[in-house]
């Protein structure tokens, strides 16, 4: 079974819509913004989001295509940030604004 099918199966086993916990879960953005997060970390995050019925996964822009593919056909949305860690990762000469524009453009691909 491939990873995409695993997520589809988890979607069927998500929390019961009538429970209080499921109602709360639908308000949560499951987040992983560590710049060193791997593709496997994003796969795990997506599986958890579907399993628990979270509203979205919030990830860095370069992981958006993977998450969008994994979550296609589920109720979990993909959320990203622009410039979240730019200050921490920026070199002295980097223009933060152009870095944010680049991140925004890359998230759309």
PDB file of N, CA and C in Angstrom:
ATOM      1  N   UNK A   1       0.844  -1.173   0.000  1.00  0.00           N
ATOM      2  CA  UNK A   1       0.000   0.000   0.000  1.00  0.00           C
ATOM      3  C   UNK A   1       0.892   1.240   0.000  1.00  0.00           C
ATOM      4  N   UNK A   2       0.587   2.200  -0.875  1.00  0.00           N
ATOM      5  CA  UNK A   2       1.410   3.413  -0.884  1.00  0.00           C
ATOM      6  C   UNK A   2       0.923   4.411   0.157  1.00  0.00           C
ATOM      7  N   UNK A   3       1.756   5.413   0.397  1.00  0.00           N
ATOM      8  CA  UNK A   3       1.466   6.381   1.463  1.00  0.00           C
ATOM      9  C   UNK A   3       0.172   7.147   1.203  1.00  0.00           C
ATOM     10  N   UNK A   4      -0.123   7.433  -0.051  1.00  0.00           N
ATOM     11  CA  UNK A   4      -1.340   8.168  -0.361  1.00  0.00           C
ATOM     12  C   UNK A   4      -2.570   7.349   0.048  1.00  0.00           C
ATOM     13  N   UNK A   5      -2.540   6.042  -0.218  1.00  0.00           N
ATOM     14  CA  UNK A   5      -3.649   5.185   0.181  1.00  0.00           C
ATOM     15  C   UNK A   5      -3.779   5.115   1.692  1.00  0.00           C
ATOM     16  N   UNK A   6      -2.645   5.128   2.414  1.00  0.00           N
ATOM     17  CA  UNK A   6      -2.696   5.112   3.876  1.00  0.00           C
ATOM     18  C   UNK A   6      -3.473   6.316   4.381  1.00  0.00           C
ATOM     19  N   UNK A   7      -3.224   7.475   3.797  1.00  0.00           N
ATOM     20  CA  UNK A   7      -3.915   8.686   4.234  1.00  0.00           C
ATOM     21  C   UNK A   7      -5.399   8.587   3.902  1.00  0.00           C
ATOM     22  N   UNK A   8      -5.746   8.051   2.741  1.00  0.00           N
ATOM     23  CA  UNK A   8      -7.151   7.901   2.393  1.00  0.00           C
ATOM     24  C   UNK A   8      -7.851   6.984   3.393  1.00  0.00           C
ATOM     25  N   UNK A   9      -7.189   5.894   3.789  1.00  0.00           N
ATOM     26  CA  UNK A   9      -7.781   4.985   4.761  1.00  0.00           C
ATOM     27  C   UNK A   9      -7.940   5.670   6.112  1.00  0.00           C
ATOM     28  N   UNK A  10      -6.948   6.470   6.506  1.00  0.00           N
ATOM     29  CA  UNK A  10      -7.055   7.198   7.765  1.00  0.00           C
ATOM     30  C   UNK A  10      -8.222   8.178   7.725  1.00  0.00           C
ATOM     31  N   UNK A  11      -8.492   8.739   6.566  1.00  0.00           N
ATOM     32  CA  UNK A  11      -9.603   9.694   6.449  1.00  0.00           C
ATOM     33  C   UNK A  11     -10.923   9.015   6.796  1.00  0.00           C
ATOM     34  N   UNK A  12     -11.060   7.758   6.413  1.00  0.00           N
ATOM     35  CA  UNK A  12     -12.283   7.026   6.716  1.00  0.00           C
ATOM     36  C   UNK A  12     -12.392   6.702   8.202  1.00  0.00           C
ATOM     37  N   UNK A  13     -11.241   6.617   8.885  1.00  0.00           N
ATOM     38  CA  UNK A  13     -11.231   6.262  10.302  1.00  0.00           C
ATOM     39  C   UNK A  13     -11.118   7.487  11.198  1.00  0.00           C
ATOM     40  N   UNK A  14     -11.317   8.680  10.646  1.00  0.00           N
ATOM     41  CA  UNK A  14     -11.175   9.919  11.429  1.00  0.00           C
ATOM     42  C   UNK A  14     -12.185   9.950  12.570  1.00  0.00           C
ATOM     43  N   UNK A  15     -11.948  10.864  13.498  1.00  0.00           N
ATOM     44  CA  UNK A  15     -12.803  10.991  14.687  1.00  0.00           C
ATOM     45  C   UNK A  15     -14.269  11.142  14.306  1.00  0.00           C
ATOM     46  N   UNK A  16     -15.145  10.655  15.173  1.00  0.00           N
ATOM     47  CA  UNK A  16     -16.579  10.747  14.929  1.00  0.00           C
ATOM     48  C   UNK A  16     -17.030  12.207  14.944  1.00  0.00           C
ATOM     49  N   UNK A  17     -17.785  12.641  13.949  1.00  0.00           N
ATOM     50  CA  UNK A  17     -18.145  14.053  13.833  1.00  0.00           C
ATOM     51  C   UNK A  17     -19.010  14.575  14.977  1.00  0.00           C
ATOM     52  N   UNK A  18     -19.660  13.699  15.740  1.00  0.00           N
ATOM     53  CA  UNK A  18     -20.543  14.163  16.809  1.00  0.00           C
ATOM     54  C   UNK A  18     -19.825  14.378  18.137  1.00  0.00           C
ATOM     55  N   UNK A  19     -18.609  13.898  18.255  1.00  0.00           N
ATOM     56  CA  UNK A  19     -17.927  14.008  19.545  1.00  0.00           C
ATOM     57  C   UNK A  19     -17.379  15.417  19.769  1.00  0.00           C
ATOM     58  N   UNK A  20     -17.271  15.806  21.031  1.00  0.00           N
ATOM     59  CA  UNK A  20     -16.711  17.115  21.371  1.00  0.00           C
ATOM     60  C   UNK A  20     -15.265  17.227  20.927  1.00  0.00           C
ATOM     61  N   UNK A  21     -14.513  16.132  21.053  1.00  0.00           N
ATOM     62  CA  UNK A  21     -13.104  16.148  20.660  1.00  0.00           C
ATOM     63  C   UNK A  21     -12.977  16.383  19.160  1.00  0.00           C
ATOM     64  N   UNK A  22     -13.810  15.739  18.372  1.00  0.00           N
ATOM     65  CA  UNK A  22     -13.770  15.938  16.931  1.00  0.00           C
ATOM     66  C   UNK A  22     -14.103  17.383  16.578  1.00  0.00           C
ATOM     67  N   UNK A  23     -15.057  17.976  17.289  1.00  0.00           N
ATOM     68  CA  UNK A  23     -15.392  19.376  17.047  1.00  0.00           C
ATOM     69  C   UNK A  23     -14.236  20.297  17.347  1.00  0.00           C
ATOM     70  N   UNK A  24     -13.515  19.997  18.412  1.00  0.00           N
ATOM     71  CA  UNK A  24     -12.335  20.788  18.760  1.00  0.00           C
ATOM     72  C   UNK A  24     -11.225  20.583  17.736  1.00  0.00           C
ATOM     73  N   UNK A  25     -11.019  19.348  17.316  1.00  0.00           N
ATOM     74  CA  UNK A  25      -9.958  19.042  16.350  1.00  0.00           C
ATOM     75  C   UNK A  25     -10.144  19.836  15.066  1.00  0.00           C
ATOM     76  N   UNK A  26     -11.390  20.048  14.636  1.00  0.00           N
ATOM     77  CA  UNK A  26     -11.648  20.788  13.395  1.00  0.00           C
ATOM     78  C   UNK A  26     -11.251  22.255  13.491  1.00  0.00           C
ATOM     79  N   UNK A  27     -10.875  22.709  14.685  1.00  0.00           N
ATOM     80  CA  UNK A  27     -10.443  24.097  14.878  1.00  0.00           C
ATOM     81  C   UNK A  27      -8.920  24.227  14.960  1.00  0.00           C
ATOM     82  N   UNK A  28      -8.217  23.108  14.868  1.00  0.00           N
ATOM     83  CA  UNK A  28      -6.767  23.103  15.095  1.00  0.00           C
ATOM     84  C   UNK A  28      -6.008  23.006  13.772  1.00  0.00           C
ATOM     85  N   UNK A  29      -4.952  23.832  13.656  1.00  0.00           N
ATOM     86  CA  UNK A  29      -4.005  23.732  12.549  1.00  0.00           C
ATOM     87  C   UNK A  29      -2.808  22.937  13.067  1.00  0.00           C
ATOM     88  N   UNK A  30      -2.609  21.744  12.548  1.00  0.00           N
ATOM     89  CA  UNK A  30      -1.488  20.885  12.950  1.00  0.00           C
ATOM     90  C   UNK A  30      -0.242  21.451  12.274  1.00  0.00           C
ATOM     91  N   UNK A  31       0.734  21.869  13.062  1.00  0.00           N
ATOM     92  CA  UNK A  31       1.814  22.711  12.554  1.00  0.00           C
ATOM     93  C   UNK A  31       3.186  22.083  12.707  1.00  0.00           C
ATOM     94  N   UNK A  32       3.996  22.224  11.653  1.00  0.00           N
ATOM     95  CA  UNK A  32       5.403  21.838  11.684  1.00  0.00           C
ATOM     96  C   UNK A  32       6.157  22.843  10.823  1.00  0.00           C
ATOM     97  N   UNK A  33       6.808  23.802  11.483  1.00  0.00           N
ATOM     98  CA  UNK A  33       7.506  24.860  10.763  1.00  0.00           C
ATOM     99  C   UNK A  33       9.022  24.790  10.926  1.00  0.00           C
ATOM    100  N   UNK A  34       9.518  23.705  11.471  1.00  0.00           N
ATOM    101  CA  UNK A  34      10.967  23.550  11.608  1.00  0.00           C
ATOM    102  C   UNK A  34      11.582  23.500  10.215  1.00  0.00           C
ATOM    103  N   UNK A  35      12.581  24.352   9.947  1.00  0.00           N
ATOM    104  CA  UNK A  35      13.163  24.377   8.599  1.00  0.00           C
ATOM    105  C   UNK A  35      13.803  23.043   8.210  1.00  0.00           C
ATOM    106  N   UNK A  36      14.186  22.255   9.188  1.00  0.00           N
ATOM    107  CA  UNK A  36      14.841  20.975   8.899  1.00  0.00           C
ATOM    108  C   UNK A  36      13.849  19.810   8.759  1.00  0.00           C
ATOM    109  N   UNK A  37      12.552  20.085   8.803  1.00  0.00           N
ATOM    110  CA  UNK A  37      11.543  19.023   8.672  1.00  0.00           C
ATOM    111  C   UNK A  37      11.737  18.286   7.345  1.00  0.00           C
ATOM    112  N   UNK A  38      11.690  16.972   7.404  1.00  0.00           N
ATOM    113  CA  UNK A  38      11.899  16.145   6.214  1.00  0.00           C
ATOM    114  C   UNK A  38      10.564  15.823   5.543  1.00  0.00           C
ATOM    115  N   UNK A  39      10.647  15.241   4.357  1.00  0.00           N
ATOM    116  CA  UNK A  39       9.446  14.797   3.652  1.00  0.00           C
ATOM    117  C   UNK A  39       8.715  13.749   4.488  1.00  0.00           C
ATOM    118  N   UNK A  40       9.457  12.880   5.157  1.00  0.00           N
ATOM    119  CA  UNK A  40       8.819  11.887   6.026  1.00  0.00           C
ATOM    120  C   UNK A  40       8.097  12.552   7.195  1.00  0.00           C
ATOM    121  N   UNK A  41       8.676  13.630   7.730  1.00  0.00           N
ATOM    122  CA  UNK A  41       8.017  14.379   8.807  1.00  0.00           C
ATOM    123  C   UNK A  41       6.691  14.956   8.313  1.00  0.00           C
ATOM    124  N   UNK A  42       6.680  15.459   7.093  1.00  0.00           N
ATOM    125  CA  UNK A  42       5.458  16.037   6.518  1.00  0.00           C
ATOM    126  C   UNK A  42       4.427  14.941   6.267  1.00  0.00           C
ATOM    127  N   UNK A  43       4.871  13.780   5.809  1.00  0.00           N
ATOM    128  CA  UNK A  43       3.942  12.654   5.622  1.00  0.00           C
ATOM    129  C   UNK A  43       3.284  12.276   6.949  1.00  0.00           C
ATOM    130  N   UNK A  44       4.089  12.206   7.999  1.00  0.00           N
ATOM    131  CA  UNK A  44       3.562  11.860   9.322  1.00  0.00           C
ATOM    132  C   UNK A  44       2.564  12.926   9.784  1.00  0.00           C
ATOM    133  N   UNK A  45       2.912  14.192   9.615  1.00  0.00           N
ATOM    134  CA  UNK A  45       2.034  15.290  10.004  1.00  0.00           C
ATOM    135  C   UNK A  45       0.682  15.176   9.289  1.00  0.00           C
ATOM    136  N   UNK A  46       0.721  14.888   7.995  1.00  0.00           N
ATOM    137  CA  UNK A  46      -0.511  14.757   7.214  1.00  0.00           C
ATOM    138  C   UNK A  46      -1.338  13.568   7.685  1.00  0.00           C
ATOM    139  N   UNK A  47      -0.699  12.439   7.948  1.00  0.00           N
ATOM    140  CA  UNK A  47      -1.433  11.267   8.455  1.00  0.00           C
ATOM    141  C   UNK A  47      -2.125  11.598   9.771  1.00  0.00           C
ATOM    142  N   UNK A  48      -1.401  12.271  10.678  1.00  0.00           N
ATOM    143  CA  UNK A  48      -1.981  12.644  11.971  1.00  0.00           C
ATOM    144  C   UNK A  48      -3.158  13.598  11.794  1.00  0.00           C
ATOM    145  N   UNK A  49      -3.006  14.573  10.891  1.00  0.00           N
ATOM    146  CA  UNK A  49      -4.067  15.555  10.673  1.00  0.00           C
ATOM    147  C   UNK A  49      -5.343  14.885  10.175  1.00  0.00           C
ATOM    148  N   UNK A  50      -5.196  13.940   9.264  1.00  0.00           N
ATOM    149  CA  UNK A  50      -6.367  13.227   8.755  1.00  0.00           C
ATOM    150  C   UNK A  50      -6.954  12.343   9.844  1.00  0.00           C
ATOM    151  N   UNK A  51      -6.100  11.623  10.538  1.00  0.00           N
ATOM    152  CA  UNK A  51      -6.562  10.705  11.577  1.00  0.00           C
ATOM    153  C   UNK A  51      -7.368  11.422  12.658  1.00  0.00           C
ATOM    154  N   UNK A  52      -6.860  12.565  13.111  1.00  0.00           N
ATOM    155  CA  UNK A  52      -7.524  13.281  14.201  1.00  0.00           C
ATOM    156  C   UNK A  52      -8.561  14.295  13.718  1.00  0.00           C
ATOM    157  N   UNK A  53      -8.633  14.522  12.419  1.00  0.00           N
ATOM    158  CA  UNK A  53      -9.627  15.441  11.872  1.00  0.00           C
ATOM    159  C   UNK A  53      -9.293  16.907  12.065  1.00  0.00           C
ATOM    160  N   UNK A  54      -7.986  17.244  12.028  1.00  0.00           N
ATOM    161  CA  UNK A  54      -7.586  18.646  12.176  1.00  0.00           C
ATOM    162  C   UNK A  54      -8.028  19.465  10.962  1.00  0.00           C
ATOM    163  N   UNK A  55      -8.143  20.775  11.163  1.00  0.00           N
ATOM    164  CA  UNK A  55      -8.575  21.667  10.083  1.00  0.00           C
ATOM    165  C   UNK A  55      -7.551  21.739   8.963  1.00  0.00           C
ATOM    166  N   UNK A  56      -6.265  21.831   9.332  1.00  0.00           N
ATOM    167  CA  UNK A  56      -5.226  21.986   8.320  1.00  0.00           C
ATOM    168  C   UNK A  56      -3.882  21.520   8.847  1.00  0.00           C
ATOM    169  N   UNK A  57      -2.936  21.427   7.919  1.00  0.00           N
ATOM    170  CA  UNK A  57      -1.531  21.301   8.292  1.00  0.00           C
ATOM    171  C   UNK A  57      -0.888  22.622   7.910  1.00  0.00           C
ATOM    172  N   UNK A  58      -0.094  23.167   8.805  1.00  0.00           N
ATOM    173  CA  UNK A  58       0.596  24.431   8.555  1.00  0.00           C
ATOM    174  C   UNK A  58       2.081  24.111   8.416  1.00  0.00           C
ATOM    175  N   UNK A  59       2.628  24.369   7.249  1.00  0.00           N
ATOM    176  CA  UNK A  59       3.981  23.947   6.908  1.00  0.00           C
ATOM    177  C   UNK A  59       4.710  25.052   6.160  1.00  0.00           C
ATOM    178  N   UNK A  60       6.009  24.873   5.993  1.00  0.00           N
ATOM    179  CA  UNK A  60       6.797  25.815   5.207  1.00  0.00           C
ATOM    180  C   UNK A  60       6.451  25.682   3.724  1.00  0.00           C
ATOM    181  N   UNK A  61       6.642  26.767   2.963  1.00  0.00           N
ATOM    182  CA  UNK A  61       6.210  26.784   1.558  1.00  0.00           C
ATOM    183  C   UNK A  61       6.784  25.661   0.693  1.00  0.00           C
ATOM    184  N   UNK A  62       8.001  25.250   0.951  1.00  0.00           N
ATOM    185  CA  UNK A  62       8.614  24.236   0.088  1.00  0.00           C
ATOM    186  C   UNK A  62       7.999  22.841   0.277  1.00  0.00           C
ATOM    187  N   UNK A  63       7.165  22.658   1.293  1.00  0.00           N
ATOM    188  CA  UNK A  63       6.490  21.376   1.504  1.00  0.00           C
ATOM    189  C   UNK A  63       5.038  21.382   1.003  1.00  0.00           C
ATOM    190  N   UNK A  64       4.557  22.517   0.513  1.00  0.00           N
ATOM    191  CA  UNK A  64       3.161  22.622   0.082  1.00  0.00           C
ATOM    192  C   UNK A  64       2.801  21.615  -1.009  1.00  0.00           C
ATOM    193  N   UNK A  65       3.591  21.450  -2.069  1.00  0.00           N
ATOM    194  CA  UNK A  65       3.190  20.487  -3.106  1.00  0.00           C
ATOM    195  C   UNK A  65       3.027  19.057  -2.569  1.00  0.00           C
ATOM    196  N   UNK A  66       3.922  18.624  -1.710  1.00  0.00           N
ATOM    197  CA  UNK A  66       3.825  17.284  -1.133  1.00  0.00           C
ATOM    198  C   UNK A  66       2.556  17.147  -0.296  1.00  0.00           C
ATOM    199  N   UNK A  67       2.324  18.103   0.597  1.00  0.00           N
ATOM    200  CA  UNK A  67       1.149  18.036   1.472  1.00  0.00           C
ATOM    201  C   UNK A  67      -0.142  18.113   0.668  1.00  0.00           C
ATOM    202  N   UNK A  68      -0.177  18.962  -0.332  1.00  0.00           N
ATOM    203  CA  UNK A  68      -1.380  19.085  -1.167  1.00  0.00           C
ATOM    204  C   UNK A  68      -1.677  17.767  -1.859  1.00  0.00           C
ATOM    205  N   UNK A  69      -0.643  17.103  -2.333  1.00  0.00           N
ATOM    206  CA  UNK A  69      -0.828  15.808  -2.984  1.00  0.00           C
ATOM    207  C   UNK A  69      -1.321  14.762  -1.986  1.00  0.00           C
ATOM    208  N   UNK A  70      -0.712  14.723  -0.812  1.00  0.00           N
ATOM    209  CA  UNK A  70      -1.090  13.733   0.196  1.00  0.00           C
ATOM    210  C   UNK A  70      -2.503  13.949   0.739  1.00  0.00           C
ATOM    211  N   UNK A  71      -2.920  15.194   0.830  1.00  0.00           N
ATOM    212  CA  UNK A  71      -4.204  15.504   1.455  1.00  0.00           C
ATOM    213  C   UNK A  71      -5.357  15.637   0.461  1.00  0.00           C
ATOM    214  N   UNK A  72      -5.055  15.508  -0.822  1.00  0.00           N
ATOM    215  CA  UNK A  72      -6.106  15.591  -1.844  1.00  0.00           C
ATOM    216  C   UNK A  72      -7.181  14.548  -1.538  1.00  0.00           C
ATOM    217  N   UNK A  73      -8.425  14.965  -1.543  1.00  0.00           N
ATOM    218  CA  UNK A  73      -9.528  14.051  -1.282  1.00  0.00           C
ATOM    219  C   UNK A  73      -9.895  13.926   0.187  1.00  0.00           C
ATOM    220  N   UNK A  74      -9.213  14.660   1.066  1.00  0.00           N
ATOM    221  CA  UNK A  74      -9.555  14.660   2.487  1.00  0.00           C
ATOM    222  C   UNK A  74     -10.160  16.016   2.832  1.00  0.00           C
ATOM    223  N   UNK A  75     -10.596  16.183   4.067  1.00  0.00           N
ATOM    224  CA  UNK A  75     -11.133  17.468   4.521  1.00  0.00           C
ATOM    225  C   UNK A  75     -10.053  18.368   5.102  1.00  0.00           C
ATOM    226  N   UNK A  76      -8.818  17.914   5.153  1.00  0.00           N
ATOM    227  CA  UNK A  76      -7.723  18.687   5.747  1.00  0.00           C
ATOM    228  C   UNK A  76      -7.157  19.645   4.708  1.00  0.00           C
ATOM    229  N   UNK A  77      -7.055  20.902   5.072  1.00  0.00           N
ATOM    230  CA  UNK A  77      -6.514  21.941   4.197  1.00  0.00           C
ATOM    231  C   UNK A  77      -5.002  22.070   4.401  1.00  0.00           C
ATOM    232  N   UNK A  78      -4.350  22.731   3.452  1.00  0.00           N
ATOM    233  CA  UNK A  78      -2.927  23.018   3.554  1.00  0.00           C
ATOM    234  C   UNK A  78      -2.764  24.508   3.800  1.00  0.00           C
ATOM    235  N   UNK A  79      -1.984  24.832   4.815  1.00  0.00           N
ATOM    236  CA  UNK A  79      -1.722  26.219   5.205  1.00  0.00           C
ATOM    237  C   UNK A  79      -0.211  26.430   5.188  1.00  0.00           C
ATOM    238  N   UNK A  80       0.229  27.589   4.766  1.00  0.00           N
ATOM    239  CA  UNK A  80       1.668  27.873   4.790  1.00  0.00           C
ATOM    240  C   UNK A  80       1.907  29.264   5.346  1.00  0.00           C
ATOM    241  N   UNK A  81       3.153  29.551   5.582  1.00  0.00           N
ATOM    242  CA  UNK A  81       3.570  30.845   6.118  1.00  0.00           C
ATOM    243  C   UNK A  81       4.577  31.461   5.158  1.00  0.00           C
ATOM    244  N   UNK A  82       4.672  32.770   5.199  1.00  0.00           N
ATOM    245  CA  UNK A  82       5.664  33.474   4.396  1.00  0.00           C
ATOM    246  C   UNK A  82       6.478  34.347   5.331  1.00  0.00           C
ATOM    247  N   UNK A  83       7.780  34.170   5.309  1.00  0.00           N
ATOM    248  CA  UNK A  83       8.660  34.983   6.138  1.00  0.00           C
ATOM    249  C   UNK A  83       8.719  34.571   7.585  1.00  0.00           C
ATOM    250  N   UNK A  84       8.165  33.417   7.937  1.00  0.00           N
ATOM    251  CA  UNK A  84       8.130  32.992   9.331  1.00  0.00           C
ATOM    252  C   UNK A  84       9.515  32.900   9.939  1.00  0.00           C
ATOM    253  N   UNK A  85      10.431  32.247   9.230  1.00  0.00           N
ATOM    254  CA  UNK A  85      11.772  32.080   9.784  1.00  0.00           C
ATOM    255  C   UNK A  85      12.806  32.878   9.008  1.00  0.00           C
ATOM    256  N   UNK A  86      12.355  33.820   8.204  1.00  0.00           N
ATOM    257  CA  UNK A  86      13.287  34.574   7.354  1.00  0.00           C
ATOM    258  C   UNK A  86      14.306  35.349   8.169  1.00  0.00           C
ATOM    259  N   UNK A  87      13.892  35.936   9.282  1.00  0.00           N
ATOM    260  CA  UNK A  87      14.834  36.708  10.089  1.00  0.00           C
ATOM    261  C   UNK A  87      15.920  35.818  10.674  1.00  0.00           C
ATOM    262  N   UNK A  88      15.538  34.650  11.111  1.00  0.00           N
ATOM    263  CA  UNK A  88      16.502  33.735  11.709  1.00  0.00           C
ATOM    264  C   UNK A  88      17.487  33.211  10.669  1.00  0.00           C
ATOM    265  N   UNK A  89      17.020  33.010   9.435  1.00  0.00           N
ATOM    266  CA  UNK A  89      17.850  32.399   8.410  1.00  0.00           C
ATOM    267  C   UNK A  89      18.491  33.398   7.455  1.00  0.00           C
ATOM    268  N   UNK A  90      18.133  34.653   7.581  1.00  0.00           N
ATOM    269  CA  UNK A  90      18.619  35.643   6.621  1.00  0.00           C
ATOM    270  C   UNK A  90      20.079  35.995   6.861  1.00  0.00           C
ATOM    271  N   UNK A  91      20.811  36.122   5.779  1.00  0.00           N
ATOM    272  CA  UNK A  91      22.180  36.614   5.900  1.00  0.00           C
ATOM    273  C   UNK A  91      22.124  38.133   6.010  1.00  0.00           C
ATOM    274  N   UNK A  92      23.215  38.736   6.421  1.00  0.00           N
ATOM    275  CA  UNK A  92      23.237  40.185   6.674  1.00  0.00           C
ATOM    276  C   UNK A  92      22.838  40.985   5.451  1.00  0.00           C
ATOM    277  N   UNK A  93      23.176  40.527   4.262  1.00  0.00           N
ATOM    278  CA  UNK A  93      22.898  41.301   3.059  1.00  0.00           C
ATOM    279  C   UNK A  93      21.583  40.948   2.382  1.00  0.00           C
ATOM    280  N   UNK A  94      20.859  39.975   2.883  1.00  0.00           N
ATOM    281  CA  UNK A  94      19.628  39.541   2.203  1.00  0.00           C
ATOM    282  C   UNK A  94      18.482  40.520   2.440  1.00  0.00           C
ATOM    283  N   UNK A  95      17.752  40.776   1.420  1.00  0.00           N
ATOM    284  CA  UNK A  95      16.571  41.620   1.523  1.00  0.00           C
ATOM    285  C   UNK A  95      15.397  40.746   1.960  1.00  0.00           C
ATOM    286  N   UNK A  96      14.887  40.981   3.167  1.00  0.00           N
ATOM    287  CA  UNK A  96      13.815  40.145   3.701  1.00  0.00           C
ATOM    288  C   UNK A  96      12.563  40.190   2.841  1.00  0.00           C
ATOM    289  N   UNK A  97      12.277  41.350   2.293  1.00  0.00           N
ATOM    290  CA  UNK A  97      11.067  41.454   1.485  1.00  0.00           C
ATOM    291  C   UNK A  97      11.156  40.574   0.245  1.00  0.00           C
ATOM    292  N   UNK A  98      12.289  40.599  -0.456  1.00  0.00           N
ATOM    293  CA  UNK A  98      12.406  39.765  -1.652  1.00  0.00           C
ATOM    294  C   UNK A  98      12.394  38.292  -1.273  1.00  0.00           C
ATOM    295  N   UNK A  99      12.907  37.956  -0.108  1.00  0.00           N
ATOM    296  CA  UNK A  99      12.855  36.569   0.364  1.00  0.00           C
ATOM    297  C   UNK A  99      11.423  36.120   0.587  1.00  0.00           C
ATOM    298  N   UNK A 100      10.596  37.000   1.117  1.00  0.00           N
ATOM    299  CA  UNK A 100       9.188  36.669   1.344  1.00  0.00           C
ATOM    300  C   UNK A 100       8.446  36.514   0.028  1.00  0.00           C
ATOM    301  N   UNK A 101       8.762  37.363  -0.925  1.00  0.00           N
ATOM    302  CA  UNK A 101       8.125  37.252  -2.242  1.00  0.00           C
ATOM    303  C   UNK A 101       8.492  35.913  -2.866  1.00  0.00           C
ATOM    304  N   UNK A 102       9.755  35.527  -2.779  1.00  0.00           N
ATOM    305  CA  UNK A 102      10.190  34.225  -3.312  1.00  0.00           C
ATOM    306  C   UNK A 102       9.445  33.086  -2.626  1.00  0.00           C
ATOM    307  N   UNK A 103       9.301  33.141  -1.290  1.00  0.00           N
ATOM    308  CA  UNK A 103       8.587  32.084  -0.579  1.00  0.00           C
ATOM    309  C   UNK A 103       7.131  32.008  -1.020  1.00  0.00           C
ATOM    310  N   UNK A 104       6.505  33.147  -1.185  1.00  0.00           N
ATOM    311  CA  UNK A 104       5.102  33.166  -1.607  1.00  0.00           C
ATOM    312  C   UNK A 104       4.945  32.557  -2.991  1.00  0.00           C
ATOM    313  N   UNK A 105       5.858  32.895  -3.892  1.00  0.00           N
ATOM    314  CA  UNK A 105       5.785  32.339  -5.254  1.00  0.00           C
ATOM    315  C   UNK A 105       6.035  30.839  -5.235  1.00  0.00           C
ATOM    316  N   UNK A 106       6.993  30.389  -4.427  1.00  0.00           N
ATOM    317  CA  UNK A 106       7.308  28.952  -4.409  1.00  0.00           C
ATOM    318  C   UNK A 106       6.173  28.144  -3.792  1.00  0.00           C
ATOM    319  N   UNK A 107       5.402  28.735  -2.891  1.00  0.00           N
ATOM    320  CA  UNK A 107       4.279  28.027  -2.263  1.00  0.00           C
ATOM    321  C   UNK A 107       3.180  27.740  -3.271  1.00  0.00           C
ATOM    322  N   UNK A 108       3.067  28.578  -4.270  1.00  0.00           N
ATOM    323  CA  UNK A 108       2.031  28.403  -5.280  1.00  0.00           C
ATOM    324  C   UNK A 108       2.350  27.363  -6.321  1.00  0.00           C
ATOM    325  N   UNK A 109       3.568  26.870  -6.340  1.00  0.00           N
ATOM    326  CA  UNK A 109       3.972  25.873  -7.355  1.00  0.00           C
ATOM    327  C   UNK A 109       3.694  24.475  -6.926  1.00  0.00           C
TER     328      UNK A 109
END
